[in-house]
Amino acid sequence: MMAAKKKEKMPVTSAPARVHARMTVSEIISLYPQVKDILTEYGLHCFGCAFNALETLEEGCKGHGFDDSDVENLVTDLNDAIAALPPRPQLLTLTETAARAIGEIAKAEGKLGQGLAVISEGNGGFCMEFRDSTQADELVFSNVAVPDICIYATTMTLSHIGGSTIDFRDGRFKLDLGAATSDCACGGNCSCK
């Protein structure tokens, strides 16, 4: 049985949509973990489901008996909640362990001296690529103990993951969303170009 949904309303959002029905629940939760309560209010507990990375939000909703207006209302409520969130800090913290791991990869790929750009993709995911220099609207971050290893991120990317810490644990890079720790002595305003 489907849980009670919110009242029918006109989809009016003043802020640009950050979430859309073609995103997977996994993508939405990874970018905006604060919206789990809204999904729960709609009777969706997809953040614990094995299909949350395979099905789009719309597909998951339809599988739970939602009609098109229910999906539109959910997307509107998600975007309204996201728009009401306080802005994320324009900061990334790079742990010493992660900086050294990036340095090893750069050395192995012949990319020493290049920065690693963290790029927000249209589907809500992120990719990384080595580049010689920053591009427009990118800020530069490094770790004080390994200042020659830099991370580049645009303000758009930081609007999703700003205040996060990039770490390297268990043989993998981890993005810890939330308040950043201050491994970087300059407070994130590094420049190692």
N, C-alpha and C. Protein backbone atom coordinates (compact mmCIF):
# COMPACT_ATOMS: atom_id res chain seq x y z
N MET A 1 0.84 -1.18 0.00
CA MET A 1 0.00 0.00 0.00
C MET A 1 0.88 1.24 0.00
N MET A 2 0.53 2.20 -0.82
CA MET A 2 1.30 3.42 -0.95
C MET A 2 0.93 4.39 0.17
N ALA A 3 1.94 5.02 0.76
CA ALA A 3 1.71 5.99 1.83
C ALA A 3 1.06 7.24 1.26
N ALA A 4 0.43 8.00 2.13
CA ALA A 4 -0.24 9.23 1.72
C ALA A 4 0.77 10.19 1.11
N LYS A 5 0.37 10.80 0.01
CA LYS A 5 1.23 11.76 -0.67
C LYS A 5 0.75 13.16 -0.31
N LYS A 6 1.61 14.12 -0.63
CA LYS A 6 1.26 15.51 -0.39
C LYS A 6 0.11 15.94 -1.27
N LYS A 7 -0.55 17.03 -0.89
CA LYS A 7 -1.67 17.56 -1.66
C LYS A 7 -1.22 17.97 -3.05
N GLU A 8 -2.15 17.89 -3.98
CA GLU A 8 -1.91 18.33 -5.36
C GLU A 8 -1.55 19.81 -5.33
N LYS A 9 -0.53 20.21 -6.07
CA LYS A 9 -0.18 21.62 -6.13
C LYS A 9 0.42 21.93 -7.48
N MET A 10 0.43 23.18 -7.82
CA MET A 10 1.00 23.62 -9.09
C MET A 10 2.52 23.59 -8.95
N PRO A 11 3.24 23.03 -9.93
CA PRO A 11 4.69 23.00 -9.84
C PRO A 11 5.29 24.38 -10.09
N VAL A 12 5.52 25.14 -9.02
CA VAL A 12 6.12 26.46 -9.11
C VAL A 12 7.38 26.44 -8.27
N THR A 13 8.50 26.61 -8.92
CA THR A 13 9.78 26.65 -8.23
C THR A 13 10.55 27.85 -8.75
N SER A 14 10.96 28.74 -7.86
CA SER A 14 11.67 29.92 -8.30
C SER A 14 13.12 29.60 -8.63
N ALA A 15 13.72 28.64 -7.93
CA ALA A 15 15.10 28.27 -8.19
C ALA A 15 15.16 27.29 -9.34
N PRO A 16 16.29 27.23 -10.05
CA PRO A 16 16.39 26.26 -11.12
C PRO A 16 16.33 24.83 -10.58
N ALA A 17 15.73 23.94 -11.35
CA ALA A 17 15.61 22.55 -10.92
C ALA A 17 16.99 21.91 -10.84
N ARG A 18 17.23 21.24 -9.74
CA ARG A 18 18.50 20.54 -9.56
C ARG A 18 18.31 19.03 -9.67
N VAL A 19 17.08 18.60 -9.47
CA VAL A 19 16.74 17.19 -9.54
C VAL A 19 15.69 17.03 -10.63
N HIS A 20 15.80 15.97 -11.40
CA HIS A 20 14.77 15.69 -12.40
C HIS A 20 14.43 14.20 -12.33
N ALA A 21 13.33 13.84 -12.94
CA ALA A 21 12.79 12.48 -12.84
C ALA A 21 13.66 11.43 -13.52
N ARG A 22 14.57 11.86 -14.39
CA ARG A 22 15.44 10.90 -15.09
C ARG A 22 16.71 10.57 -14.32
N MET A 23 16.92 11.21 -13.18
CA MET A 23 18.06 10.90 -12.32
C MET A 23 17.73 9.65 -11.51
N THR A 24 18.75 8.89 -11.15
CA THR A 24 18.50 7.75 -10.27
C THR A 24 18.39 8.26 -8.83
N VAL A 25 17.72 7.49 -7.99
CA VAL A 25 17.62 7.86 -6.58
C VAL A 25 19.01 7.91 -5.96
N SER A 26 19.87 7.00 -6.37
CA SER A 26 21.25 6.99 -5.88
C SER A 26 21.95 8.31 -6.17
N GLU A 27 21.80 8.84 -7.39
CA GLU A 27 22.40 10.13 -7.74
C GLU A 27 21.83 11.25 -6.88
N ILE A 28 20.52 11.25 -6.72
CA ILE A 28 19.88 12.31 -5.93
C ILE A 28 20.37 12.28 -4.50
N ILE A 29 20.39 11.10 -3.89
CA ILE A 29 20.80 10.98 -2.49
C ILE A 29 22.28 11.30 -2.32
N SER A 30 23.11 10.93 -3.31
CA SER A 30 24.53 11.24 -3.18
C SER A 30 24.78 12.75 -3.23
N LEU A 31 23.98 13.47 -4.02
CA LEU A 31 24.12 14.92 -4.10
C LEU A 31 23.41 15.65 -2.96
N TYR A 32 22.24 15.15 -2.57
CA TYR A 32 21.40 15.83 -1.59
C TYR A 32 20.86 14.83 -0.56
N PRO A 33 21.70 14.36 0.35
CA PRO A 33 21.24 13.36 1.33
C PRO A 33 20.11 13.89 2.22
N GLN A 34 19.96 15.20 2.27
CA GLN A 34 18.93 15.81 3.12
C GLN A 34 17.51 15.52 2.64
N VAL A 35 17.32 15.01 1.42
CA VAL A 35 15.97 14.81 0.90
C VAL A 35 15.41 13.42 1.18
N LYS A 36 16.11 12.61 1.95
CA LYS A 36 15.61 11.28 2.28
C LYS A 36 14.23 11.35 2.94
N ASP A 37 14.02 12.34 3.81
CA ASP A 37 12.73 12.48 4.49
C ASP A 37 11.58 12.71 3.52
N ILE A 38 11.83 13.47 2.46
CA ILE A 38 10.78 13.73 1.48
C ILE A 38 10.44 12.44 0.73
N LEU A 39 11.46 11.68 0.36
CA LEU A 39 11.20 10.40 -0.30
C LEU A 39 10.38 9.49 0.61
N THR A 40 10.72 9.50 1.89
CA THR A 40 10.00 8.67 2.86
C THR A 40 8.55 9.13 2.99
N GLU A 41 8.31 10.46 3.00
CA GLU A 41 6.94 10.99 3.08
C GLU A 41 6.09 10.50 1.91
N TYR A 42 6.72 10.30 0.77
CA TYR A 42 6.01 9.82 -0.41
C TYR A 42 5.91 8.30 -0.44
N GLY A 43 6.40 7.66 0.59
CA GLY A 43 6.33 6.20 0.65
C GLY A 43 7.44 5.50 -0.10
N LEU A 44 8.48 6.23 -0.43
CA LEU A 44 9.62 5.66 -1.15
C LEU A 44 10.78 5.47 -0.17
N HIS A 45 11.27 4.29 -0.10
CA HIS A 45 12.42 3.99 0.76
C HIS A 45 13.55 3.50 -0.13
N CYS A 46 13.62 4.07 -1.33
CA CYS A 46 14.54 3.63 -2.38
C CYS A 46 16.00 3.80 -2.03
N PHE A 47 16.31 4.67 -1.06
CA PHE A 47 17.72 4.86 -0.72
C PHE A 47 18.33 3.62 -0.11
N GLY A 48 17.52 2.66 0.30
CA GLY A 48 18.02 1.39 0.81
C GLY A 48 17.81 0.24 -0.15
N CYS A 49 17.26 0.53 -1.32
CA CYS A 49 16.91 -0.49 -2.31
C CYS A 49 18.08 -0.76 -3.25
N ALA A 50 18.23 -2.00 -3.65
CA ALA A 50 19.32 -2.38 -4.56
C ALA A 50 19.13 -1.78 -5.96
N PHE A 51 17.91 -1.39 -6.31
CA PHE A 51 17.66 -0.84 -7.64
C PHE A 51 17.85 0.68 -7.70
N ASN A 52 18.20 1.33 -6.60
CA ASN A 52 18.27 2.79 -6.58
C ASN A 52 19.33 3.36 -7.52
N ALA A 53 20.28 2.55 -7.95
CA ALA A 53 21.29 3.01 -8.89
C ALA A 53 20.96 2.60 -10.33
N LEU A 54 19.94 1.78 -10.49
CA LEU A 54 19.59 1.27 -11.82
C LEU A 54 18.37 1.96 -12.42
N GLU A 55 17.36 2.18 -11.60
CA GLU A 55 16.12 2.80 -12.08
C GLU A 55 16.17 4.31 -11.86
N THR A 56 15.52 5.03 -12.78
CA THR A 56 15.38 6.46 -12.57
C THR A 56 14.34 6.69 -11.48
N LEU A 57 14.29 7.90 -10.97
CA LEU A 57 13.27 8.25 -9.98
C LEU A 57 11.88 7.99 -10.56
N GLU A 58 11.68 8.37 -11.81
CA GLU A 58 10.37 8.16 -12.45
C GLU A 58 10.03 6.67 -12.54
N GLU A 59 10.98 5.85 -12.95
CA GLU A 59 10.73 4.41 -13.05
C GLU A 59 10.39 3.81 -11.69
N GLY A 60 11.13 4.24 -10.67
CA GLY A 60 10.85 3.75 -9.31
C GLY A 60 9.47 4.17 -8.84
N CYS A 61 9.12 5.43 -9.13
CA CYS A 61 7.79 5.93 -8.73
C CYS A 61 6.69 5.16 -9.45
N LYS A 62 6.85 4.96 -10.75
CA LYS A 62 5.84 4.23 -11.52
C LYS A 62 5.70 2.80 -10.99
N GLY A 63 6.81 2.20 -10.57
CA GLY A 63 6.77 0.86 -9.99
C GLY A 63 6.01 0.81 -8.67
N HIS A 64 5.89 1.98 -8.04
CA HIS A 64 5.14 2.08 -6.78
C HIS A 64 3.73 2.63 -6.99
N GLY A 65 3.29 2.70 -8.25
CA GLY A 65 1.92 3.12 -8.54
C GLY A 65 1.71 4.61 -8.69
N PHE A 66 2.75 5.40 -8.80
CA PHE A 66 2.60 6.84 -8.97
C PHE A 66 2.15 7.15 -10.39
N ASP A 67 1.32 8.19 -10.54
CA ASP A 67 1.00 8.67 -11.87
C ASP A 67 1.91 9.86 -12.19
N ASP A 68 1.78 10.42 -13.39
CA ASP A 68 2.67 11.49 -13.82
C ASP A 68 2.63 12.71 -12.89
N SER A 69 1.43 13.08 -12.41
CA SER A 69 1.33 14.25 -11.53
C SER A 69 1.99 13.98 -10.18
N ASP A 70 1.92 12.73 -9.69
CA ASP A 70 2.60 12.38 -8.44
C ASP A 70 4.11 12.55 -8.60
N VAL A 71 4.64 12.10 -9.73
CA VAL A 71 6.08 12.23 -9.99
C VAL A 71 6.46 13.70 -10.08
N GLU A 72 5.66 14.50 -10.79
CA GLU A 72 5.93 15.94 -10.90
C GLU A 72 5.91 16.60 -9.53
N ASN A 73 4.92 16.26 -8.69
CA ASN A 73 4.85 16.84 -7.35
C ASN A 73 6.06 16.45 -6.51
N LEU A 74 6.50 15.20 -6.61
CA LEU A 74 7.68 14.76 -5.88
C LEU A 74 8.91 15.54 -6.32
N VAL A 75 9.11 15.66 -7.64
CA VAL A 75 10.26 16.40 -8.15
C VAL A 75 10.21 17.86 -7.69
N THR A 76 9.03 18.46 -7.74
CA THR A 76 8.88 19.84 -7.26
C THR A 76 9.22 19.95 -5.78
N ASP A 77 8.70 19.03 -4.96
CA ASP A 77 8.99 19.07 -3.53
C ASP A 77 10.48 18.87 -3.26
N LEU A 78 11.11 17.97 -4.00
CA LEU A 78 12.56 17.76 -3.84
C LEU A 78 13.32 19.04 -4.19
N ASN A 79 12.98 19.65 -5.32
CA ASN A 79 13.68 20.87 -5.74
C ASN A 79 13.42 22.04 -4.80
N ASP A 80 12.19 22.14 -4.28
CA ASP A 80 11.89 23.19 -3.30
C ASP A 80 12.73 23.01 -2.04
N ALA A 81 12.85 21.77 -1.57
CA ALA A 81 13.64 21.49 -0.37
C ALA A 81 15.12 21.77 -0.62
N ILE A 82 15.61 21.42 -1.79
CA ILE A 82 17.02 21.67 -2.12
C ILE A 82 17.28 23.16 -2.22
N ALA A 83 16.35 23.91 -2.82
CA ALA A 83 16.51 25.36 -2.95
C ALA A 83 16.54 26.03 -1.58
N ALA A 84 15.88 25.44 -0.60
CA ALA A 84 15.83 26.02 0.75
C ALA A 84 17.07 25.68 1.58
N LEU A 85 17.89 24.75 1.09
CA LEU A 85 19.09 24.39 1.84
C LEU A 85 20.07 25.55 1.86
N PRO A 86 20.83 25.70 2.94
CA PRO A 86 21.85 26.75 2.93
C PRO A 86 22.90 26.43 1.87
N PRO A 87 23.49 27.46 1.28
CA PRO A 87 24.49 27.20 0.25
C PRO A 87 25.69 26.45 0.83
N ARG A 88 26.26 25.59 0.03
CA ARG A 88 27.44 24.83 0.46
C ARG A 88 28.67 25.74 0.39
N PRO A 89 29.62 25.54 1.29
CA PRO A 89 30.85 26.35 1.25
C PRO A 89 31.61 26.10 -0.05
N GLN A 90 32.26 27.12 -0.55
CA GLN A 90 33.06 27.00 -1.77
C GLN A 90 34.45 26.49 -1.39
N LEU A 91 34.48 25.26 -0.89
CA LEU A 91 35.70 24.69 -0.32
C LEU A 91 35.70 23.18 -0.51
N LEU A 92 36.84 22.63 -0.85
CA LEU A 92 37.07 21.19 -0.81
C LEU A 92 38.31 20.95 0.03
N THR A 93 38.25 19.95 0.87
CA THR A 93 39.41 19.59 1.67
C THR A 93 40.00 18.31 1.09
N LEU A 94 41.28 18.33 0.84
CA LEU A 94 42.00 17.19 0.30
C LEU A 94 42.90 16.66 1.41
N THR A 95 42.64 15.43 1.84
CA THR A 95 43.48 14.87 2.91
C THR A 95 44.87 14.58 2.36
N GLU A 96 45.83 14.49 3.25
CA GLU A 96 47.20 14.17 2.83
C GLU A 96 47.26 12.81 2.15
N THR A 97 46.52 11.85 2.68
CA THR A 97 46.49 10.51 2.09
C THR A 97 45.96 10.56 0.66
N ALA A 98 44.89 11.31 0.42
CA ALA A 98 44.33 11.43 -0.92
C ALA A 98 45.30 12.16 -1.85
N ALA A 99 45.92 13.22 -1.35
CA ALA A 99 46.87 13.97 -2.18
C ALA A 99 48.03 13.07 -2.62
N ARG A 100 48.54 12.27 -1.71
CA ARG A 100 49.64 11.36 -2.06
C ARG A 100 49.17 10.29 -3.06
N ALA A 101 47.94 9.79 -2.90
CA ALA A 101 47.40 8.80 -3.84
C ALA A 101 47.22 9.41 -5.23
N ILE A 102 46.75 10.65 -5.29
CA ILE A 102 46.61 11.34 -6.58
C ILE A 102 47.98 11.53 -7.21
N GLY A 103 48.98 11.88 -6.39
CA GLY A 103 50.35 12.03 -6.89
C GLY A 103 50.88 10.75 -7.50
N GLU A 104 50.59 9.61 -6.87
CA GLU A 104 51.02 8.31 -7.42
C GLU A 104 50.36 8.02 -8.76
N ILE A 105 49.07 8.34 -8.87
CA ILE A 105 48.36 8.13 -10.13
C ILE A 105 48.92 9.06 -11.21
N ALA A 106 49.14 10.31 -10.85
CA ALA A 106 49.70 11.28 -11.81
C ALA A 106 51.06 10.82 -12.30
N LYS A 107 51.87 10.31 -11.40
CA LYS A 107 53.21 9.82 -11.77
C LYS A 107 53.08 8.63 -12.73
N ALA A 108 52.21 7.68 -12.40
CA ALA A 108 52.02 6.49 -13.23
C ALA A 108 51.48 6.84 -14.62
N GLU A 109 50.66 7.88 -14.71
CA GLU A 109 50.07 8.28 -15.99
C GLU A 109 50.87 9.36 -16.72
N GLY A 110 52.02 9.73 -16.16
CA GLY A 110 52.82 10.78 -16.78
C GLY A 110 52.17 12.15 -16.71
N LYS A 111 51.43 12.42 -15.64
CA LYS A 111 50.68 13.67 -15.50
C LYS A 111 51.18 14.52 -14.33
N LEU A 112 52.39 14.25 -13.84
CA LEU A 112 52.93 15.06 -12.73
C LEU A 112 52.92 16.53 -13.12
N GLY A 113 52.56 17.38 -12.19
CA GLY A 113 52.47 18.81 -12.44
C GLY A 113 51.10 19.27 -12.90
N GLN A 114 50.22 18.33 -13.20
CA GLN A 114 48.87 18.69 -13.62
C GLN A 114 47.93 18.61 -12.42
N GLY A 115 46.85 19.37 -12.47
CA GLY A 115 45.83 19.32 -11.44
C GLY A 115 44.74 18.32 -11.81
N LEU A 116 44.01 17.90 -10.82
CA LEU A 116 42.91 16.95 -11.04
C LEU A 116 41.59 17.72 -10.93
N ALA A 117 40.88 17.84 -12.06
CA ALA A 117 39.61 18.56 -12.08
C ALA A 117 38.49 17.62 -11.68
N VAL A 118 37.65 18.08 -10.73
CA VAL A 118 36.45 17.35 -10.32
C VAL A 118 35.30 18.01 -11.08
N ILE A 119 34.65 17.24 -11.96
CA ILE A 119 33.66 17.80 -12.87
C ILE A 119 32.29 17.21 -12.58
N SER A 120 31.31 18.09 -12.42
CA SER A 120 29.93 17.67 -12.21
C SER A 120 29.32 17.33 -13.56
N GLU A 121 28.76 16.12 -13.68
CA GLU A 121 28.12 15.70 -14.92
C GLU A 121 26.64 16.04 -14.87
N GLY A 122 26.01 16.10 -16.01
CA GLY A 122 24.59 16.45 -16.10
C GLY A 122 23.67 15.48 -15.40
N ASN A 123 24.10 14.23 -15.21
CA ASN A 123 23.23 13.22 -14.60
C ASN A 123 23.34 13.20 -13.08
N GLY A 124 24.10 14.13 -12.50
CA GLY A 124 24.25 14.17 -11.06
C GLY A 124 25.49 13.49 -10.55
N GLY A 125 26.25 12.86 -11.43
CA GLY A 125 27.49 12.21 -11.03
C GLY A 125 28.68 13.14 -11.19
N PHE A 126 29.85 12.60 -10.91
CA PHE A 126 31.08 13.37 -11.02
C PHE A 126 32.13 12.53 -11.71
N CYS A 127 33.02 13.20 -12.43
CA CYS A 127 34.18 12.52 -12.99
C CYS A 127 35.40 13.38 -12.69
N MET A 128 36.57 12.80 -12.89
CA MET A 128 37.80 13.53 -12.63
C MET A 128 38.74 13.34 -13.81
N GLU A 129 39.49 14.40 -14.14
CA GLU A 129 40.46 14.32 -15.21
C GLU A 129 41.64 15.22 -14.89
N PHE A 130 42.84 14.79 -15.30
CA PHE A 130 44.03 15.61 -15.13
C PHE A 130 44.06 16.67 -16.21
N ARG A 131 44.47 17.89 -15.81
CA ARG A 131 44.60 19.01 -16.74
C ARG A 131 45.80 19.86 -16.35
N ASP A 132 46.37 20.54 -17.37
CA ASP A 132 47.53 21.41 -17.13
C ASP A 132 47.18 22.66 -16.35
N SER A 133 45.97 23.17 -16.51
CA SER A 133 45.60 24.42 -15.85
C SER A 133 44.11 24.45 -15.57
N THR A 134 43.72 25.45 -14.81
CA THR A 134 42.30 25.60 -14.49
C THR A 134 41.57 26.16 -15.70
N GLN A 135 40.26 25.99 -15.69
CA GLN A 135 39.40 26.60 -16.69
C GLN A 135 38.56 27.66 -15.99
N ALA A 136 37.76 28.38 -16.76
CA ALA A 136 36.95 29.46 -16.21
C ALA A 136 36.13 28.98 -15.02
N ASP A 137 36.05 29.81 -13.99
CA ASP A 137 35.20 29.56 -12.83
C ASP A 137 35.68 28.41 -11.94
N GLU A 138 36.93 27.97 -12.09
CA GLU A 138 37.44 26.91 -11.22
C GLU A 138 38.29 27.48 -10.10
N LEU A 139 38.12 26.91 -8.92
CA LEU A 139 38.95 27.24 -7.78
C LEU A 139 39.95 26.11 -7.59
N VAL A 140 41.06 26.40 -6.91
CA VAL A 140 42.14 25.44 -6.74
C VAL A 140 42.30 25.12 -5.26
N PHE A 141 42.42 23.82 -4.95
CA PHE A 141 42.57 23.36 -3.58
C PHE A 141 43.74 22.38 -3.50
N SER A 142 44.44 22.40 -2.38
CA SER A 142 45.53 21.44 -2.16
C SER A 142 45.64 21.16 -0.67
N ASN A 143 46.53 20.26 -0.34
CA ASN A 143 46.79 19.94 1.06
C ASN A 143 48.13 20.57 1.42
N VAL A 144 48.20 21.17 2.59
CA VAL A 144 49.41 21.89 3.00
C VAL A 144 50.64 20.98 3.04
N ALA A 145 50.47 19.70 3.33
CA ALA A 145 51.61 18.77 3.40
C ALA A 145 52.06 18.31 2.01
N VAL A 146 51.19 18.44 1.01
CA VAL A 146 51.50 18.01 -0.36
C VAL A 146 51.02 19.12 -1.31
N PRO A 147 51.63 20.31 -1.24
CA PRO A 147 51.09 21.46 -1.97
C PRO A 147 51.17 21.39 -3.48
N ASP A 148 51.98 20.47 -4.02
CA ASP A 148 52.10 20.39 -5.47
C ASP A 148 51.00 19.55 -6.12
N ILE A 149 50.13 18.94 -5.33
CA ILE A 149 48.98 18.20 -5.86
C ILE A 149 47.75 19.07 -5.67
N CYS A 150 47.09 19.41 -6.79
CA CYS A 150 45.94 20.33 -6.74
C CYS A 150 44.68 19.68 -7.27
N ILE A 151 43.57 20.13 -6.70
CA ILE A 151 42.23 19.75 -7.15
C ILE A 151 41.58 21.02 -7.70
N TYR A 152 40.94 20.92 -8.87
CA TYR A 152 40.20 22.03 -9.46
C TYR A 152 38.72 21.71 -9.38
N ALA A 153 37.91 22.71 -9.04
CA ALA A 153 36.46 22.53 -9.02
C ALA A 153 35.76 23.84 -9.34
N THR A 154 34.71 23.77 -10.15
CA THR A 154 33.94 24.96 -10.49
C THR A 154 32.99 25.30 -9.34
N THR A 155 32.47 26.51 -9.36
CA THR A 155 31.50 26.89 -8.35
C THR A 155 30.24 26.05 -8.46
N MET A 156 29.89 25.60 -9.69
CA MET A 156 28.73 24.72 -9.88
C MET A 156 28.97 23.38 -9.18
N THR A 157 30.15 22.81 -9.37
CA THR A 157 30.48 21.56 -8.69
C THR A 157 30.46 21.76 -7.18
N LEU A 158 31.00 22.88 -6.72
CA LEU A 158 31.04 23.15 -5.28
C LEU A 158 29.64 23.39 -4.72
N SER A 159 28.70 23.80 -5.56
CA SER A 159 27.32 23.96 -5.06
C SER A 159 26.73 22.60 -4.68
N HIS A 160 27.29 21.52 -5.22
CA HIS A 160 26.85 20.16 -4.89
C HIS A 160 27.69 19.53 -3.78
N ILE A 161 29.00 19.73 -3.83
CA ILE A 161 29.88 18.99 -2.91
C ILE A 161 30.76 19.90 -2.07
N GLY A 162 30.56 21.21 -2.14
CA GLY A 162 31.36 22.14 -1.35
C GLY A 162 31.31 21.81 0.13
N GLY A 163 32.42 21.98 0.81
CA GLY A 163 32.50 21.65 2.23
C GLY A 163 32.83 20.19 2.46
N SER A 164 33.06 19.44 1.40
CA SER A 164 33.35 18.01 1.51
C SER A 164 34.84 17.75 1.63
N THR A 165 35.15 16.54 2.03
CA THR A 165 36.54 16.11 2.15
C THR A 165 36.77 14.96 1.17
N ILE A 166 37.84 15.07 0.39
CA ILE A 166 38.26 13.98 -0.49
C ILE A 166 39.34 13.21 0.25
N ASP A 167 39.09 11.93 0.47
CA ASP A 167 40.01 11.08 1.22
C ASP A 167 40.32 9.84 0.38
N PHE A 168 41.31 9.09 0.81
CA PHE A 168 41.66 7.82 0.18
C PHE A 168 41.74 6.78 1.28
N ARG A 169 40.78 5.82 1.27
CA ARG A 169 40.71 4.76 2.28
C ARG A 169 40.32 3.46 1.61
N ASP A 170 40.80 2.39 2.18
CA ASP A 170 40.45 1.06 1.69
C ASP A 170 40.70 0.92 0.19
N GLY A 171 41.76 1.57 -0.29
CA GLY A 171 42.12 1.45 -1.70
C GLY A 171 41.25 2.23 -2.66
N ARG A 172 40.41 3.14 -2.14
CA ARG A 172 39.49 3.91 -3.00
C ARG A 172 39.42 5.36 -2.54
N PHE A 173 39.12 6.22 -3.50
CA PHE A 173 38.86 7.61 -3.15
C PHE A 173 37.45 7.71 -2.60
N LYS A 174 37.29 8.49 -1.55
CA LYS A 174 35.99 8.67 -0.89
C LYS A 174 35.69 10.17 -0.83
N LEU A 175 34.45 10.50 -1.11
CA LEU A 175 33.99 11.88 -0.97
C LEU A 175 33.10 11.92 0.24
N ASP A 176 33.58 12.54 1.30
CA ASP A 176 32.82 12.66 2.54
C ASP A 176 32.07 13.99 2.52
N LEU A 177 30.77 13.93 2.23
CA LEU A 177 29.96 15.14 2.18
C LEU A 177 29.80 15.71 3.57
N GLY A 178 29.62 16.99 3.65
CA GLY A 178 29.41 17.62 4.95
C GLY A 178 30.46 18.65 5.21
N ALA A 179 30.58 19.00 6.46
CA ALA A 179 31.53 20.04 6.85
C ALA A 179 32.94 19.56 6.59
N ALA A 180 33.73 20.41 5.99
CA ALA A 180 35.11 20.07 5.69
C ALA A 180 35.99 20.24 6.91
N THR A 181 36.98 19.40 7.01
CA THR A 181 37.99 19.59 8.03
C THR A 181 39.02 20.55 7.48
N SER A 182 39.88 21.06 8.28
CA SER A 182 40.81 22.07 7.81
C SER A 182 42.23 21.53 7.69
N ASP A 183 42.42 20.55 6.79
CA ASP A 183 43.77 20.08 6.50
C ASP A 183 44.55 21.12 5.73
N CYS A 184 43.85 21.98 5.05
CA CYS A 184 44.50 22.96 4.21
C CYS A 184 44.71 24.24 5.01
N ALA A 185 45.94 24.61 5.21
CA ALA A 185 46.27 25.76 6.06
C ALA A 185 45.73 27.07 5.52
N CYS A 186 45.51 27.15 4.22
CA CYS A 186 45.04 28.42 3.64
C CYS A 186 43.52 28.49 3.62
N GLY A 187 42.84 27.52 4.19
CA GLY A 187 41.38 27.57 4.22
C GLY A 187 40.74 27.33 2.88
N GLY A 188 41.46 26.68 1.99
CA GLY A 188 40.88 26.34 0.69
C GLY A 188 41.16 27.35 -0.39
N ASN A 189 41.92 28.39 -0.10
CA ASN A 189 42.21 29.39 -1.11
C ASN A 189 43.61 29.21 -1.67
N CYS A 190 43.99 27.95 -1.87
CA CYS A 190 45.32 27.63 -2.37
C CYS A 190 45.45 28.05 -3.82
N SER A 191 46.64 28.30 -4.22
CA SER A 191 46.92 28.52 -5.62
C SER A 191 48.27 27.90 -5.93
N CYS A 192 48.25 26.83 -6.67
CA CYS A 192 49.51 26.17 -7.01
C CYS A 192 49.64 26.02 -8.51
N LYS A 193 49.05 26.95 -9.23
CA LYS A 193 49.11 26.89 -10.70
C LYS A 193 50.51 27.18 -11.18
